[in-house]
Amino acid sequence: MTKDYDKIAKIEQAIKKKYGEEAIKNPLCDWDQDKEKEYIEQIKEVSKIEKSKTQGQKEEYNGFLIDKKLLTRDKKSVCPTCDHYSFNVRDDVYLTKWECCYGCFIQWVEGREERWINGWRPEAKRDESGGED
């Protein structure tokens, strides 16, 4: 692929005519070490401000004051259908998408997704052996 420099120059001139000199100027031509230092300082300042906004903020949770940052890390670990507690990543995916663990998905949801989405849930929670409580 060869470049047609005349065509590129004509396009560049048309852009310059329509939008002005700034439109065709390389952004780096106005950038220098002083602007770079100023930019880095601005980034650090914004970072400090954002950090200070969340640092030390407490929220009541179950009768205790807890740092807000810790509350955002909360993840679902208990299946609301069978009360099974899991550290399994696969269960985390199913809890997030289907609001049930993988086992309940296989037993209650798979092949009946529409019914589950519409709000149907089993009447009684099951114990680990599969029998009713």
Protein backbone atom coordinates (compact mmCIF):
# COMPACT_ATOMS: atom_id res chain seq x y z
CA MET A 1 0.00 0.00 0.00
CA THR A 2 1.62 3.22 -1.12
CA LYS A 3 0.73 6.57 0.33
CA ASP A 4 -0.40 9.30 -1.97
CA TYR A 5 1.18 12.30 -0.22
CA ASP A 6 -0.50 14.78 -2.56
CA LYS A 7 -3.93 13.39 -1.64
CA ILE A 8 -3.05 13.52 2.08
CA ALA A 9 -1.89 17.14 1.72
CA LYS A 10 -5.11 18.12 -0.11
CA ILE A 11 -7.26 16.51 2.61
CA GLU A 12 -5.22 18.23 5.30
CA GLN A 13 -5.61 21.60 3.56
CA ALA A 14 -9.38 21.09 3.24
CA ILE A 15 -9.63 20.27 6.96
CA LYS A 16 -7.52 23.34 7.80
CA LYS A 17 -9.73 25.56 5.64
CA LYS A 18 -12.95 24.24 7.19
CA TYR A 19 -11.90 23.84 10.86
CA GLY A 20 -8.77 25.98 11.27
CA GLU A 21 -5.11 25.40 12.09
CA GLU A 22 -5.84 23.65 15.42
CA ALA A 23 -7.60 20.77 13.64
CA ILE A 24 -4.47 19.63 11.79
CA LYS A 25 -1.89 20.44 14.43
CA ASN A 26 -0.12 17.58 16.19
CA PRO A 27 -1.19 17.72 19.87
CA LEU A 28 2.37 17.01 20.99
CA CYS A 29 3.76 20.16 19.37
CA ASP A 30 2.38 22.31 22.23
CA TRP A 31 3.32 19.82 24.96
CA ASP A 32 6.52 20.34 26.93
CA GLN A 33 8.10 19.18 30.20
CA ASP A 34 6.44 21.95 32.21
CA LYS A 35 2.97 20.97 30.97
CA GLU A 36 3.78 17.34 31.68
CA LYS A 37 4.77 18.15 35.28
CA GLU A 38 1.66 20.29 35.74
CA TYR A 39 -0.53 17.47 34.38
CA ILE A 40 1.03 14.91 36.73
CA GLU A 41 0.50 17.24 39.70
CA GLN A 42 -3.15 17.70 38.72
CA ILE A 43 -3.61 13.93 38.53
CA LYS A 44 -2.06 13.50 41.99
CA GLU A 45 -4.27 16.25 43.43
CA VAL A 46 -7.46 14.74 42.00
CA SER A 47 -6.40 11.33 43.30
CA LYS A 48 -5.90 12.74 46.82
CA ILE A 49 -9.29 14.45 46.75
CA GLU A 50 -11.07 11.28 45.63
CA LYS A 51 -9.25 9.22 48.24
CA SER A 52 -10.11 11.65 51.03
CA LYS A 53 -13.80 11.60 50.04
CA THR A 54 -14.11 7.89 50.75
CA GLN A 55 -11.51 7.54 53.49
CA GLY A 56 -12.93 7.43 56.97
CA GLN A 57 -16.58 7.40 55.93
CA LYS A 58 -18.45 5.00 58.16
CA GLU A 59 -21.82 3.41 57.65
CA GLU A 60 -23.94 1.47 60.09
CA TYR A 61 -24.19 -2.20 59.21
CA ASN A 62 -25.87 -4.69 61.58
CA GLY A 63 -25.40 -2.32 64.50
CA PHE A 64 -21.71 -1.59 63.81
CA LEU A 65 -19.97 1.30 62.09
CA ILE A 66 -17.97 -0.05 59.17
CA ASP A 67 -15.79 1.73 56.61
CA LYS A 68 -17.80 2.21 53.39
CA LYS A 69 -15.01 0.74 51.29
CA LEU A 70 -15.46 -2.58 53.03
CA LEU A 71 -19.17 -2.64 52.31
CA THR A 72 -18.66 -2.28 48.58
CA ARG A 73 -16.69 -5.53 48.54
CA ASP A 74 -19.74 -7.46 49.72
CA LYS A 75 -20.60 -10.31 47.42
CA LYS A 76 -23.36 -12.86 47.39
CA SER A 77 -22.29 -16.15 48.92
CA VAL A 78 -25.54 -17.70 50.13
CA CYS A 79 -28.10 -19.13 47.74
CA PRO A 80 -31.52 -17.67 48.58
CA THR A 81 -33.19 -20.82 47.24
CA CYS A 82 -31.38 -23.52 49.25
CA ASP A 83 -29.34 -21.49 51.80
CA HIS A 84 -26.15 -23.17 50.54
CA TYR A 85 -23.03 -21.12 51.38
CA SER A 86 -20.30 -21.29 48.75
CA PHE A 87 -16.86 -19.88 47.94
CA ASN A 88 -17.02 -21.42 44.46
CA VAL A 89 -16.54 -18.96 41.58
CA ARG A 90 -19.07 -20.87 39.48
CA ASP A 91 -21.72 -20.32 42.18
CA ASP A 92 -20.84 -16.60 42.26
CA VAL A 93 -21.62 -16.38 38.54
CA TYR A 94 -24.97 -18.14 38.93
CA LEU A 95 -25.85 -16.12 42.05
CA THR A 96 -25.20 -12.91 40.14
CA LYS A 97 -27.10 -13.88 37.00
CA TRP A 98 -29.87 -16.18 38.27
CA GLU A 99 -29.98 -15.42 42.02
CA CYS A 100 -29.34 -19.07 42.85
CA CYS A 101 -26.35 -21.42 43.13
CA TYR A 102 -25.25 -23.76 40.34
CA GLY A 103 -27.04 -26.74 41.93
CA CYS A 104 -30.34 -24.87 42.12
CA PHE A 105 -29.84 -23.63 38.59
CA ILE A 106 -29.55 -27.22 37.35
CA GLN A 107 -32.48 -28.40 39.47
CA TRP A 108 -34.92 -25.50 39.12
CA VAL A 109 -33.90 -23.11 36.32
CA GLU A 110 -32.23 -24.92 33.43
CA GLY A 111 -34.76 -25.37 30.63
CA ARG A 112 -37.30 -23.22 32.52
CA GLU A 113 -35.50 -19.87 32.42
CA GLU A 114 -38.59 -17.88 31.40
CA ARG A 115 -40.54 -19.14 34.41
CA TRP A 116 -37.62 -18.23 36.72
CA ILE A 117 -37.27 -14.75 35.20
CA ASN A 118 -41.01 -14.21 35.75
CA GLY A 119 -40.50 -14.79 39.48
CA TRP A 120 -41.31 -18.46 40.10
CA ARG A 121 -39.38 -20.04 42.98
CA PRO A 122 -39.72 -23.44 44.68
CA GLU A 123 -42.14 -23.36 47.61
CA ALA A 124 -39.95 -25.01 50.25
CA LYS A 125 -36.19 -24.76 50.65
CA ARG A 126 -34.36 -28.02 50.10
CA ASP A 127 -31.74 -29.49 52.40
CA GLU A 128 -28.45 -30.90 51.06
CA SER A 129 -29.92 -34.39 50.54
CA GLY A 130 -32.55 -32.99 48.20
CA GLY A 131 -35.50 -33.62 50.56
CA GLU A 132 -37.89 -30.97 51.75
CA ASP A 133 -37.28 -29.16 55.04
